C-alpha atoms as a PDB file:
ATOM      1  CA  UNK A   1     182.016-186.249 -42.633  1.00  0.00           C
ATOM      2  CA  UNK A   2     181.329-186.599 -38.909  1.00  0.00           C
ATOM      3  CA  UNK A   3     181.759-189.830 -36.984  1.00  0.00           C
ATOM      4  CA  UNK A   4     177.980-190.070 -36.594  1.00  0.00           C
ATOM      5  CA  UNK A   5     177.423-189.843 -40.349  1.00  0.00           C
ATOM      6  CA  UNK A   6     180.300-192.147 -41.180  1.00  0.00           C
ATOM      7  CA  UNK A   7     179.218-194.720 -38.616  1.00  0.00           C
ATOM      8  CA  UNK A   8     175.681-194.887 -39.975  1.00  0.00           C
ATOM      9  CA  UNK A   9     177.024-195.450 -43.484  1.00  0.00           C
ATOM     10  CA  UNK A  10     179.426-198.270 -42.580  1.00  0.00           C
ATOM     11  CA  UNK A  11     177.717-199.872 -39.581  1.00  0.00           C
ATOM     12  CA  UNK A  12     176.572-202.850 -41.651  1.00  0.00           C
ATOM     13  CA  UNK A  13     180.225-203.532 -42.525  1.00  0.00           C
ATOM     14  CA  UNK A  14     181.664-202.812 -39.082  1.00  0.00           C
ATOM     15  CA  UNK A  15     179.227-205.187 -37.337  1.00  0.00           C
ATOM     16  CA  UNK A  16     178.685-207.799 -40.022  1.00  0.00           C
ATOM     17  CA  UNK A  17     180.030-210.731 -37.966  1.00  0.00           C
ATOM     18  CA  UNK A  18     178.128-209.944 -34.765  1.00  0.00           C
ATOM     19  CA  UNK A  19     175.285-212.088 -33.478  1.00  0.00           C
ATOM     20  CA  UNK A  20     171.956-210.348 -32.751  1.00  0.00           C
ATOM     21  CA  UNK A  21     172.348-210.775 -28.977  1.00  0.00           C
ATOM     22  CA  UNK A  22     175.651-208.864 -29.219  1.00  0.00           C
ATOM     23  CA  UNK A  23     174.567-206.356 -31.841  1.00  0.00           C
ATOM     24  CA  UNK A  24     171.682-204.946 -29.780  1.00  0.00           C
ATOM     25  CA  UNK A  25     173.779-203.685 -26.824  1.00  0.00           C
ATOM     26  CA  UNK A  26     176.443-202.453 -29.242  1.00  0.00           C
ATOM     27  CA  UNK A  27     173.897-200.358 -31.132  1.00  0.00           C
ATOM     28  CA  UNK A  28     172.480-199.027 -27.860  1.00  0.00           C
ATOM     29  CA  UNK A  29     175.976-197.903 -26.906  1.00  0.00           C
ATOM     30  CA  UNK A  30     176.381-196.248 -30.304  1.00  0.00           C
ATOM     31  CA  UNK A  31     173.097-194.329 -30.107  1.00  0.00           C
ATOM     32  CA  UNK A  32     173.116-193.369 -26.436  1.00  0.00           C
ATOM     33  CA  UNK A  33     176.796-192.751 -25.707  1.00  0.00           C
ATOM     34  CA  UNK A  34     179.152-192.688 -28.691  1.00  0.00           C
ATOM     35  CA  UNK A  35     177.111-190.405 -30.960  1.00  0.00           C
ATOM     36  CA  UNK A  36     176.184-187.822 -28.276  1.00  0.00           C
ATOM     37  CA  UNK A  37     179.764-187.688 -26.985  1.00  0.00           C
ATOM     38  CA  UNK A  38     181.959-188.007 -30.098  1.00  0.00           C
ATOM     39  CA  UNK A  39     179.555-187.987 -33.033  1.00  0.00           C
ATOM     40  CA  UNK A  40     180.194-184.358 -33.999  1.00  0.00           C
ATOM     41  CA  UNK A  41     183.910-185.038 -34.631  1.00  0.00           C
ATOM     42  CA  UNK A  42     185.292-186.471 -37.830  1.00  0.00           C
ATOM     43  CA  UNK A  43     187.067-189.857 -37.540  1.00  0.00           C
ATOM     44  CA  UNK A  44     190.407-188.143 -38.143  1.00  0.00           C
ATOM     45  CA  UNK A  45     189.819-185.754 -35.211  1.00  0.00           C
ATOM     46  CA  UNK A  46     189.241-188.502 -32.666  1.00  0.00           C
ATOM     47  CA  UNK A  47     192.323-189.023 -30.511  1.00  0.00           C
ATOM     48  CA  UNK A  48     193.244-191.302 -27.636  1.00  0.00           C
ATOM     49  CA  UNK A  49     192.652-188.343 -25.330  1.00  0.00           C
ATOM     50  CA  UNK A  50     189.163-187.732 -26.718  1.00  0.00           C
ATOM     51  CA  UNK A  51     188.254-191.382 -26.173  1.00  0.00           C
ATOM     52  CA  UNK A  52     189.696-191.319 -22.652  1.00  0.00           C
ATOM     53  CA  UNK A  53     187.614-188.256 -21.783  1.00  0.00           C
ATOM     54  CA  UNK A  54     184.508-189.883 -23.248  1.00  0.00           C
ATOM     55  CA  UNK A  55     185.022-192.953 -21.077  1.00  0.00           C
ATOM     56  CA  UNK A  56     185.597-190.765 -18.013  1.00  0.00           C
ATOM     57  CA  UNK A  57     182.312-188.981 -18.732  1.00  0.00           C
ATOM     58  CA  UNK A  58     180.455-192.298 -19.039  1.00  0.00           C
ATOM     59  CA  UNK A  59     181.914-193.474 -15.748  1.00  0.00           C
ATOM     60  CA  UNK A  60     180.972-190.180 -14.061  1.00  0.00           C
ATOM     61  CA  UNK A  61     177.431-190.544 -15.408  1.00  0.00           C
ATOM     62  CA  UNK A  62     177.128-193.809 -13.518  1.00  0.00           C
ATOM     63  CA  UNK A  63     177.061-196.273 -16.412  1.00  0.00           C
ATOM     64  CA  UNK A  64     177.967-199.868 -15.597  1.00  0.00           C
ATOM     65  CA  UNK A  65     181.076-201.734 -16.666  1.00  0.00           C
ATOM     66  CA  UNK A  66     179.323-203.769 -19.364  1.00  0.00           C
ATOM     67  CA  UNK A  67     177.616-200.666 -20.764  1.00  0.00           C
ATOM     68  CA  UNK A  68     180.942-198.865 -21.147  1.00  0.00           C
ATOM     69  CA  UNK A  69     182.548-201.979 -22.595  1.00  0.00           C
ATOM     70  CA  UNK A  70     179.840-202.303 -25.257  1.00  0.00           C
ATOM     71  CA  UNK A  71     180.040-198.609 -26.120  1.00  0.00           C
ATOM     72  CA  UNK A  72     183.801-198.812 -26.535  1.00  0.00           C
ATOM     73  CA  UNK A  73     183.522-202.023 -28.558  1.00  0.00           C
ATOM     74  CA  UNK A  74     181.230-200.527 -31.197  1.00  0.00           C
ATOM     75  CA  UNK A  75     183.436-197.422 -31.387  1.00  0.00           C
ATOM     76  CA  UNK A  76     186.459-199.651 -31.959  1.00  0.00           C
ATOM     77  CA  UNK A  77     184.676-201.459 -34.796  1.00  0.00           C
ATOM     78  CA  UNK A  78     183.572-198.270 -36.548  1.00  0.00           C
ATOM     79  CA  UNK A  79     187.043-196.731 -36.302  1.00  0.00           C
ATOM     80  CA  UNK A  80     188.614-199.993 -37.445  1.00  0.00           C
ATOM     81  CA  UNK A  81     186.490-199.698 -40.565  1.00  0.00           C
ATOM     82  CA  UNK A  82     187.711-196.106 -40.920  1.00  0.00           C
ATOM     83  CA  UNK A  83     191.276-197.402 -40.747  1.00  0.00           C
ATOM     84  CA  UNK A  84     190.541-199.938 -43.488  1.00  0.00           C
ATOM     85  CA  UNK A  85     189.036-197.150 -45.576  1.00  0.00           C
ATOM     86  CA  UNK A  86     192.214-195.117 -45.195  1.00  0.00           C
ATOM     87  CA  UNK A  87     190.641-192.312 -43.168  1.00  0.00           C
ATOM     88  CA  UNK A  88     192.918-192.853 -40.156  1.00  0.00           C
ATOM     89  CA  UNK A  89     196.286-194.536 -39.626  1.00  0.00           C
ATOM     90  CA  UNK A  90     195.517-196.190 -36.287  1.00  0.00           C
ATOM     91  CA  UNK A  91     192.535-196.920 -34.116  1.00  0.00           C
ATOM     92  CA  UNK A  92     192.459-194.492 -31.137  1.00  0.00           C
ATOM     93  CA  UNK A  93     189.544-196.309 -29.481  1.00  0.00           C
ATOM     94  CA  UNK A  94     191.726-199.218 -28.404  1.00  0.00           C
ATOM     95  CA  UNK A  95     192.303-197.719 -24.965  1.00  0.00           C
ATOM     96  CA  UNK A  96     193.492-199.578 -21.893  1.00  0.00           C
ATOM     97  CA  UNK A  97     193.245-198.946 -18.180  1.00  0.00           C
ATOM     98  CA  UNK A  98     189.658-197.728 -18.129  1.00  0.00           C
ATOM     99  CA  UNK A  99     188.644-200.703 -15.955  1.00  0.00           C
ATOM    100  CA  UNK A 100     190.907-199.363 -13.207  1.00  0.00           C
ATOM    101  CA  UNK A 101     189.288-195.937 -13.467  1.00  0.00           C
ATOM    102  CA  UNK A 102     185.864-197.567 -13.332  1.00  0.00           C
ATOM    103  CA  UNK A 103     186.737-199.507 -10.177  1.00  0.00           C
ATOM    104  CA  UNK A 104     188.118-196.362  -8.558  1.00  0.00           C
ATOM    105  CA  UNK A 105     184.881-194.506  -9.293  1.00  0.00           C
ATOM    106  CA  UNK A 106     182.827-197.407  -7.966  1.00  0.00           C
ATOM    107  CA  UNK A 107     184.830-197.500  -4.732  1.00  0.00           C
ATOM    108  CA  UNK A 108     184.409-193.753  -4.286  1.00  0.00           C
ATOM    109  CA  UNK A 109     180.659-193.959  -4.724  1.00  0.00           C
ATOM    110  CA  UNK A 110     180.525-196.468  -1.892  1.00  0.00           C
ATOM    111  CA  UNK A 111     181.578-193.684   0.472  1.00  0.00           C
ATOM    112  CA  UNK A 112     181.193-190.295  -1.261  1.00  0.00           C
ATOM    113  CA  UNK A 113     181.307-188.491   2.104  1.00  0.00           C
ATOM    114  CA  UNK A 114     185.001-189.278   2.331  1.00  0.00           C
ATOM    115  CA  UNK A 115     185.611-187.100  -0.741  1.00  0.00           C
ATOM    116  CA  UNK A 116     183.986-183.960   0.661  1.00  0.00           C
ATOM    117  CA  UNK A 117     185.858-180.867   1.774  1.00  0.00           C
ATOM    118  CA  UNK A 118     185.617-180.240   5.506  1.00  0.00           C
ATOM    119  CA  UNK A 119     183.966-176.812   5.597  1.00  0.00           C
ATOM    120  CA  UNK A 120     183.509-173.412   3.977  1.00  0.00           C
ATOM    121  CA  UNK A 121     187.014-172.340   4.966  1.00  0.00           C
ATOM    122  CA  UNK A 122     188.507-175.314   3.126  1.00  0.00           C
ATOM    123  CA  UNK A 123     186.475-174.491   0.015  1.00  0.00           C
ATOM    124  CA  UNK A 124     187.481-170.823   0.100  1.00  0.00           C
ATOM    125  CA  UNK A 125     191.136-171.740   0.565  1.00  0.00           C
ATOM    126  CA  UNK A 126     190.983-174.071  -2.430  1.00  0.00           C
ATOM    127  CA  UNK A 127     189.236-171.505  -4.640  1.00  0.00           C
ATOM    128  CA  UNK A 128     191.703-168.749  -3.715  1.00  0.00           C
ATOM    129  CA  UNK A 129     194.700-171.031  -4.289  1.00  0.00           C
ATOM    130  CA  UNK A 130     193.454-171.965  -7.760  1.00  0.00           C
ATOM    131  CA  UNK A 131     192.979-168.305  -8.668  1.00  0.00           C
ATOM    132  CA  UNK A 132     196.452-167.467  -7.374  1.00  0.00           C
ATOM    133  CA  UNK A 133     198.048-170.104  -9.629  1.00  0.00           C
ATOM    134  CA  UNK A 134     196.149-169.073 -12.748  1.00  0.00           C
ATOM    135  CA  UNK A 135     197.438-166.752 -15.426  1.00  0.00           C
ATOM    136  CA  UNK A 136     196.240-163.238 -14.680  1.00  0.00           C
ATOM    137  CA  UNK A 137     194.674-164.478 -11.442  1.00  0.00           C
ATOM    138  CA  UNK A 138     191.289-164.841 -13.124  1.00  0.00           C
ATOM    139  CA  UNK A 139     188.678-164.772 -10.367  1.00  0.00           C
ATOM    140  CA  UNK A 140     186.205-166.774 -12.441  1.00  0.00           C
ATOM    141  CA  UNK A 141     188.015-170.028 -11.702  1.00  0.00           C
ATOM    142  CA  UNK A 142     187.319-169.581  -8.000  1.00  0.00           C
ATOM    143  CA  UNK A 143     183.707-168.600  -8.661  1.00  0.00           C
ATOM    144  CA  UNK A 144     183.110-171.815 -10.597  1.00  0.00           C
ATOM    145  CA  UNK A 145     184.566-173.935  -7.801  1.00  0.00           C
ATOM    146  CA  UNK A 146     182.449-172.219  -5.141  1.00  0.00           C
ATOM    147  CA  UNK A 147     179.303-172.464  -7.240  1.00  0.00           C
ATOM    148  CA  UNK A 148     179.804-176.157  -7.966  1.00  0.00           C
ATOM    149  CA  UNK A 149     180.383-177.093  -4.351  1.00  0.00           C
ATOM    150  CA  UNK A 150     177.547-175.004  -2.922  1.00  0.00           C
ATOM    151  CA  UNK A 151     174.996-176.223  -5.466  1.00  0.00           C
ATOM    152  CA  UNK A 152     176.222-179.845  -5.550  1.00  0.00           C
ATOM    153  CA  UNK A 153     176.225-179.672  -9.325  1.00  0.00           C
ATOM    154  CA  UNK A 154     177.972-181.595 -12.066  1.00  0.00           C
ATOM    155  CA  UNK A 155     180.642-180.267 -14.401  1.00  0.00           C
ATOM    156  CA  UNK A 156     178.434-180.045 -17.485  1.00  0.00           C
ATOM    157  CA  UNK A 157     175.621-178.412 -15.571  1.00  0.00           C
ATOM    158  CA  UNK A 158     177.689-175.434 -14.414  1.00  0.00           C
ATOM    159  CA  UNK A 159     179.320-174.895 -17.804  1.00  0.00           C
ATOM    160  CA  UNK A 160     175.853-175.004 -19.397  1.00  0.00           C
ATOM    161  CA  UNK A 161     174.184-172.715 -16.857  1.00  0.00           C
ATOM    162  CA  UNK A 162     172.625-169.607 -18.400  1.00  0.00           C
ATOM    163  CA  UNK A 163     171.196-166.415 -16.950  1.00  0.00           C
ATOM    164  CA  UNK A 164     167.651-167.515 -17.767  1.00  0.00           C
ATOM    165  CA  UNK A 165     168.107-170.576 -15.546  1.00  0.00           C
ATOM    166  CA  UNK A 166     168.513-168.436 -12.406  1.00  0.00           C
ATOM    167  CA  UNK A 167     165.557-167.135 -10.400  1.00  0.00           C
ATOM    168  CA  UNK A 168     167.046-164.287  -8.351  1.00  0.00           C
ATOM    169  CA  UNK A 169     163.734-163.604  -6.594  1.00  0.00           C
ATOM    170  CA  UNK A 170     163.535-166.998  -4.904  1.00  0.00           C
ATOM    171  CA  UNK A 171     167.214-167.788  -5.467  1.00  0.00           C
ATOM    172  CA  UNK A 172     166.662-171.082  -7.266  1.00  0.00           C
ATOM    173  CA  UNK A 173     168.565-172.570 -10.187  1.00  0.00           C
ATOM    174  CA  UNK A 174     166.616-174.704 -12.633  1.00  0.00           C
ATOM    175  CA  UNK A 175     169.004-177.222 -14.126  1.00  0.00           C
ATOM    176  CA  UNK A 176     167.570-178.010 -17.538  1.00  0.00           C
ATOM    177  CA  UNK A 177     168.528-180.590 -20.129  1.00  0.00           C
ATOM    178  CA  UNK A 178     169.546-179.174 -23.495  1.00  0.00           C
ATOM    179  CA  UNK A 179     168.527-181.467 -26.322  1.00  0.00           C
ATOM    180  CA  UNK A 180     169.808-179.489 -29.313  1.00  0.00           C
ATOM    181  CA  UNK A 181     173.454-178.727 -30.145  1.00  0.00           C
ATOM    182  CA  UNK A 182     174.739-175.282 -29.337  1.00  0.00           C
ATOM    183  CA  UNK A 183     177.308-173.187 -31.223  1.00  0.00           C
ATOM    184  CA  UNK A 184     179.912-175.310 -32.955  1.00  0.00           C
ATOM    185  CA  UNK A 185     177.755-178.402 -32.717  1.00  0.00           C
ATOM    186  CA  UNK A 186     178.626-178.990 -29.054  1.00  0.00           C
ATOM    187  CA  UNK A 187     175.980-180.343 -26.707  1.00  0.00           C
ATOM    188  CA  UNK A 188     175.678-178.961 -23.180  1.00  0.00           C
ATOM    189  CA  UNK A 189     174.670-181.757 -20.831  1.00  0.00           C
ATOM    190  CA  UNK A 190     173.396-179.317 -18.219  1.00  0.00           C
ATOM    191  CA  UNK A 191     171.816-182.254 -16.421  1.00  0.00           C
ATOM    192  CA  UNK A 192     172.310-185.986 -16.628  1.00  0.00           C
ATOM    193  CA  UNK A 193     168.699-187.063 -16.155  1.00  0.00           C
ATOM    194  CA  UNK A 194     165.710-186.697 -18.426  1.00  0.00           C
ATOM    195  CA  UNK A 195     163.926-184.300 -16.088  1.00  0.00           C
ATOM    196  CA  UNK A 196     164.899-180.875 -14.860  1.00  0.00           C
ATOM    197  CA  UNK A 197     165.740-180.335 -11.203  1.00  0.00           C
ATOM    198  CA  UNK A 198     165.788-177.251  -9.024  1.00  0.00           C
ATOM    199  CA  UNK A 199     168.736-176.338  -6.792  1.00  0.00           C
ATOM    200  CA  UNK A 200     168.871-173.658  -4.054  1.00  0.00           C
ATOM    201  CA  UNK A 201     171.453-170.883  -4.287  1.00  0.00           C
ATOM    202  CA  UNK A 202     172.698-170.054  -0.794  1.00  0.00           C
ATOM    203  CA  UNK A 203     173.541-166.577   0.512  1.00  0.00           C
ATOM    204  CA  UNK A 204     177.293-167.142   0.331  1.00  0.00           C
ATOM    205  CA  UNK A 205     177.347-167.386  -3.477  1.00  0.00           C
ATOM    206  CA  UNK A 206     174.525-165.023  -4.422  1.00  0.00           C
ATOM    207  CA  UNK A 207     176.861-161.993  -4.824  1.00  0.00           C
ATOM    208  CA  UNK A 208     179.051-163.789  -7.369  1.00  0.00           C
ATOM    209  CA  UNK A 209     175.938-164.867  -9.302  1.00  0.00           C
ATOM    210  CA  UNK A 210     174.722-161.260  -9.462  1.00  0.00           C
ATOM    211  CA  UNK A 211     178.156-160.100 -10.602  1.00  0.00           C
ATOM    212  CA  UNK A 212     178.115-162.675 -13.387  1.00  0.00           C
ATOM    213  CA  UNK A 213     174.644-161.621 -14.494  1.00  0.00           C
ATOM    214  CA  UNK A 214     175.739-157.963 -14.553  1.00  0.00           C
ATOM    215  CA  UNK A 215     178.852-158.879 -16.547  1.00  0.00           C
ATOM    216  CA  UNK A 216     176.733-160.227 -19.419  1.00  0.00           C
ATOM    217  CA  UNK A 217     174.190-157.400 -19.051  1.00  0.00           C
ATOM    218  CA  UNK A 218     171.486-159.848 -18.019  1.00  0.00           C
ATOM    219  CA  UNK A 219     171.181-161.479 -21.455  1.00  0.00           C
ATOM    220  CA  UNK A 220     168.947-164.534 -20.880  1.00  0.00           C
ATOM    221  CA  UNK A 221     170.864-166.904 -23.139  1.00  0.00           C
ATOM    222  CA  UNK A 222     174.347-165.893 -21.954  1.00  0.00           C
ATOM    223  CA  UNK A 223     176.464-168.385 -20.061  1.00  0.00           C
ATOM    224  CA  UNK A 224     176.784-167.541 -16.404  1.00  0.00           C
ATOM    225  CA  UNK A 225     180.278-168.987 -16.009  1.00  0.00           C
ATOM    226  CA  UNK A 226     182.921-168.739 -18.726  1.00  0.00           C
ATOM    227  CA  UNK A 227     186.680-168.642 -19.003  1.00  0.00           C
ATOM    228  CA  UNK A 228     188.699-165.400 -19.182  1.00  0.00           C
ATOM    229  CA  UNK A 229     188.161-165.245 -22.968  1.00  0.00           C
ATOM    230  CA  UNK A 230     184.479-166.060 -22.771  1.00  0.00           C
ATOM    231  CA  UNK A 231     184.855-169.730 -23.670  1.00  0.00           C
ATOM    232  CA  UNK A 232     183.184-172.782 -22.201  1.00  0.00           C
ATOM    233  CA  UNK A 233     184.813-174.168 -19.056  1.00  0.00           C
ATOM    234  CA  UNK A 234     185.579-177.879 -19.038  1.00  0.00           C
ATOM    235  CA  UNK A 235     187.395-180.036 -16.522  1.00  0.00           C
ATOM    236  CA  UNK A 236     190.532-180.080 -18.663  1.00  0.00           C
ATOM    237  CA  UNK A 237     190.527-176.306 -19.128  1.00  0.00           C
ATOM    238  CA  UNK A 238     190.095-175.601 -15.414  1.00  0.00           C
ATOM    239  CA  UNK A 239     192.736-178.185 -14.474  1.00  0.00           C
ATOM    240  CA  UNK A 240     195.342-176.766 -16.840  1.00  0.00           C
ATOM    241  CA  UNK A 241     194.563-173.090 -16.251  1.00  0.00           C
ATOM    242  CA  UNK A 242     194.748-173.340 -12.450  1.00  0.00           C
ATOM    243  CA  UNK A 243     197.382-176.097 -12.086  1.00  0.00           C
ATOM    244  CA  UNK A 244     194.695-178.052 -10.232  1.00  0.00           C
ATOM    245  CA  UNK A 245     196.771-181.195  -9.659  1.00  0.00           C
ATOM    246  CA  UNK A 246     199.600-179.269  -8.030  1.00  0.00           C
ATOM    247  CA  UNK A 247     197.306-177.079  -5.938  1.00  0.00           C
ATOM    248  CA  UNK A 248     195.272-179.920  -4.433  1.00  0.00           C
ATOM    249  CA  UNK A 249     198.419-181.852  -3.543  1.00  0.00           C
ATOM    250  CA  UNK A 250     199.887-178.779  -1.858  1.00  0.00           C
ATOM    251  CA  UNK A 251     196.694-178.365   0.180  1.00  0.00           C
ATOM    252  CA  UNK A 252     196.683-182.032   1.172  1.00  0.00           C
ATOM    253  CA  UNK A 253     193.781-183.107  -1.066  1.00  0.00           C
ATOM    254  CA  UNK A 254     195.607-185.599  -3.276  1.00  0.00           C
ATOM    255  CA  UNK A 255     192.336-187.416  -3.966  1.00  0.00           C
ATOM    256  CA  UNK A 256     190.331-184.347  -4.975  1.00  0.00           C
ATOM    257  CA  UNK A 257     188.883-184.145  -8.485  1.00  0.00           C
ATOM    258  CA  UNK A 258     186.569-181.463  -9.779  1.00  0.00           C
ATOM    259  CA  UNK A 259     183.584-183.837  -9.640  1.00  0.00           C
ATOM    260  CA  UNK A 260     184.231-184.259  -5.906  1.00  0.00           C
ATOM    261  CA  UNK A 261     182.933-180.731  -5.385  1.00  0.00           C
ATOM    262  CA  UNK A 262     179.486-182.216  -5.992  1.00  0.00           C
ATOM    263  CA  UNK A 263     180.138-184.747  -3.229  1.00  0.00           C
ATOM    264  CA  UNK A 264     181.063-181.820  -0.983  1.00  0.00           C
ATOM    265  CA  UNK A 265     177.799-179.995  -1.568  1.00  0.00           C
ATOM    266  CA  UNK A 266     175.616-183.048  -1.052  1.00  0.00           C
ATOM    267  CA  UNK A 267     177.489-184.005   2.129  1.00  0.00           C
ATOM    268  CA  UNK A 268     177.102-180.499   3.538  1.00  0.00           C
ATOM    269  CA  UNK A 269     173.377-180.474   2.775  1.00  0.00           C
ATOM    270  CA  UNK A 270     172.925-183.862   4.423  1.00  0.00           C
ATOM    271  CA  UNK A 271     174.809-182.716   7.530  1.00  0.00           C
ATOM    272  CA  UNK A 272     172.720-179.534   7.606  1.00  0.00           C
ATOM    273  CA  UNK A 273     169.646-181.691   8.108  1.00  0.00           C
ATOM    274  CA  UNK A 274     168.125-181.615   4.623  1.00  0.00           C
ATOM    275  CA  UNK A 275     165.666-184.555   4.539  1.00  0.00           C
ATOM    276  CA  UNK A 276     166.830-187.397   2.327  1.00  0.00           C
ATOM    277  CA  UNK A 277     163.794-187.183   0.049  1.00  0.00           C
ATOM    278  CA  UNK A 278     164.463-183.478  -0.554  1.00  0.00           C
ATOM    279  CA  UNK A 279     168.189-184.080  -1.023  1.00  0.00           C
ATOM    280  CA  UNK A 280     167.376-186.715  -3.624  1.00  0.00           C
ATOM    281  CA  UNK A 281     165.416-184.163  -5.668  1.00  0.00           C
ATOM    282  CA  UNK A 282     168.205-181.579  -5.416  1.00  0.00           C
ATOM    283  CA  UNK A 283     170.834-184.150  -6.407  1.00  0.00           C
ATOM    284  CA  UNK A 284     168.799-185.572  -9.259  1.00  0.00           C
ATOM    285  CA  UNK A 285     169.423-189.141  -8.130  1.00  0.00           C
ATOM    286  CA  UNK A 286     167.239-191.820  -9.712  1.00  0.00           C
ATOM    287  CA  UNK A 287     167.448-193.942  -6.561  1.00  0.00           C
ATOM    288  CA  UNK A 288     167.164-192.841  -2.932  1.00  0.00           C
ATOM    289  CA  UNK A 289     169.796-195.468  -2.095  1.00  0.00           C
ATOM    290  CA  UNK A 290     172.407-193.279  -3.766  1.00  0.00           C
ATOM    291  CA  UNK A 291     171.284-190.242  -1.755  1.00  0.00           C
ATOM    292  CA  UNK A 292     171.422-192.184   1.512  1.00  0.00           C
ATOM    293  CA  UNK A 293     175.177-192.631   1.048  1.00  0.00           C
ATOM    294  CA  UNK A 294     175.565-188.958   1.963  1.00  0.00           C
ATOM    295  CA  UNK A 295     173.598-189.226   5.192  1.00  0.00           C
ATOM    296  CA  UNK A 296     175.843-189.585   8.233  1.00  0.00           C
ATOM    297  CA  UNK A 297     175.030-192.445  10.567  1.00  0.00           C
ATOM    298  CA  UNK A 298     173.834-190.679  13.700  1.00  0.00           C
ATOM    299  CA  UNK A 299     171.938-192.679  16.315  1.00  0.00           C
ATOM    300  CA  UNK A 300     170.507-189.491  17.829  1.00  0.00           C
ATOM    301  CA  UNK A 301     168.191-189.147  14.827  1.00  0.00           C
ATOM    302  CA  UNK A 302     166.833-192.629  15.464  1.00  0.00           C
ATOM    303  CA  UNK A 303     166.340-191.881  19.155  1.00  0.00           C
ATOM    304  CA  UNK A 304     164.594-188.618  18.218  1.00  0.00           C
ATOM    305  CA  UNK A 305     162.298-190.553  15.866  1.00  0.00           C
ATOM    306  CA  UNK A 306     161.246-192.774  18.773  1.00  0.00           C
ATOM    307  CA  UNK A 307     160.617-189.739  20.976  1.00  0.00           C
ATOM    308  CA  UNK A 308     158.497-188.185  18.224  1.00  0.00           C
ATOM    309  CA  UNK A 309     156.384-191.317  17.938  1.00  0.00           C
ATOM    310  CA  UNK A 310     155.909-191.413  21.701  1.00  0.00           C
ATOM    311  CA  UNK A 311     154.730-187.793  21.703  1.00  0.00           C
ATOM    312  CA  UNK A 312     152.337-188.529  18.854  1.00  0.00           C
ATOM    313  CA  UNK A 313     150.826-191.545  20.586  1.00  0.00           C
ATOM    314  CA  UNK A 314     150.503-189.523  23.772  1.00  0.00           C
ATOM    315  CA  UNK A 315     147.652-187.615  22.171  1.00  0.00           C
ATOM    316  CA  UNK A 316     145.323-190.469  23.131  1.00  0.00           C
ATOM    317  CA  UNK A 317     146.521-191.095  26.689  1.00  0.00           C
ATOM    318  CA  UNK A 318     149.579-190.460  28.843  1.00  0.00           C
ATOM    319  CA  UNK A 319     150.593-194.102  28.362  1.00  0.00           C
ATOM    320  CA  UNK A 320     149.761-194.390  24.678  1.00  0.00           C
ATOM    321  CA  UNK A 321     146.672-195.465  22.742  1.00  0.00           C
ATOM    322  CA  UNK A 322     144.380-197.815  24.628  1.00  0.00           C
ATOM    323  CA  UNK A 323     143.695-201.269  23.250  1.00  0.00           C
ATOM    324  CA  UNK A 324     140.353-201.428  21.494  1.00  0.00           C
ATOM    325  CA  UNK A 325     139.911-197.659  21.361  1.00  0.00           C
ATOM    326  CA  UNK A 326     138.133-196.215  18.328  1.00  0.00           C
END
C-alpha cells in the first residue's frame, strides 16, 4: 500500500485531535505537497533522506516556512500512525535543520545574481571538470549542466524534457507540466507553474540538442537528457556521479548548487538586455518582483529612458510639447 492510500485510510485517526483551523492547512499540505512528492512510496520505503529531499524540493519551489511546516506536520502524524500500526519502527519525518536550509534559500533569493557563474568560459570549465571526474567520462553530465545554465531551467524541467518539446525550426523549448505519472509511478515536474512557458535555445547549445535527438532516433516521447544507462537524471545522481561537491570547491565555487545554474542563465539574460517583462515569461515567475532581482542596477538605463522621452516629446516642438496644444 502506498503512502497516499494509507494516509487516506488513516487520516481520521492521525488528525483526530486537531482543531479545524489547524486541520485545513495540514490537509492542504497533504494534498499539494506530500502526496505528489512521496505518495507513490510505501510507508516502509520512506527514509530520512527521502524526507530531506522532499523538503529541499519544497524550499526550491518557493514555498513559505509555514507551508513547509504544515506539510511536514501532517506527514509526521500519518507516519506516526504507521508506527503505531507496526508498519515502521521509527518515524523518518521527524527531521531537524530544515529551518536553516530555508533561511539559506531565502537569503540567496534576495540576491540571486551573486550565485551566477561569471561567463561562458566558467560554465564550460565547470562542465568539463564534472565530465572528467565521472566514471567513463560520460559527456552527458556536461551537456546537462550547459543546457540548464543556458536555458535558465529547473532541475525537474531538464530531466523531464522530451524530444517533442523542442522546436528545432525556431529553436524554442516548450516547458510543459506533466500531470500524469510516468513509468514506475514517478511524476516529472517539468515546470513548477500551472502554465507552460517557452524558452529560447541559443546557438551555443543547439549542436548538443541535435546530437541528443539523433541519439534517440528522434522519438517524440524520448527523454532528451538521460544518464549513461538511460535513466532519469536527478540532483543526487549528478552530484554523486560527477563528484560535484569536490569539483566546485576545487574551482572556487563553494556555494554552487545545481539549482544555481538557473540563476546563472537568468542573470546572463538580464545582462544581455532582455526586457524584464520578457525575462519574467522565460523564467516562469509569478511575480515581476522576483524577476527584477536579476536586473543589474545601472543608472545609464535610467538616463537613456530620460533621453528617449525627450526625443519623443521633441516630435511636437524642439523644446517639447506646447502648453494647451491639441
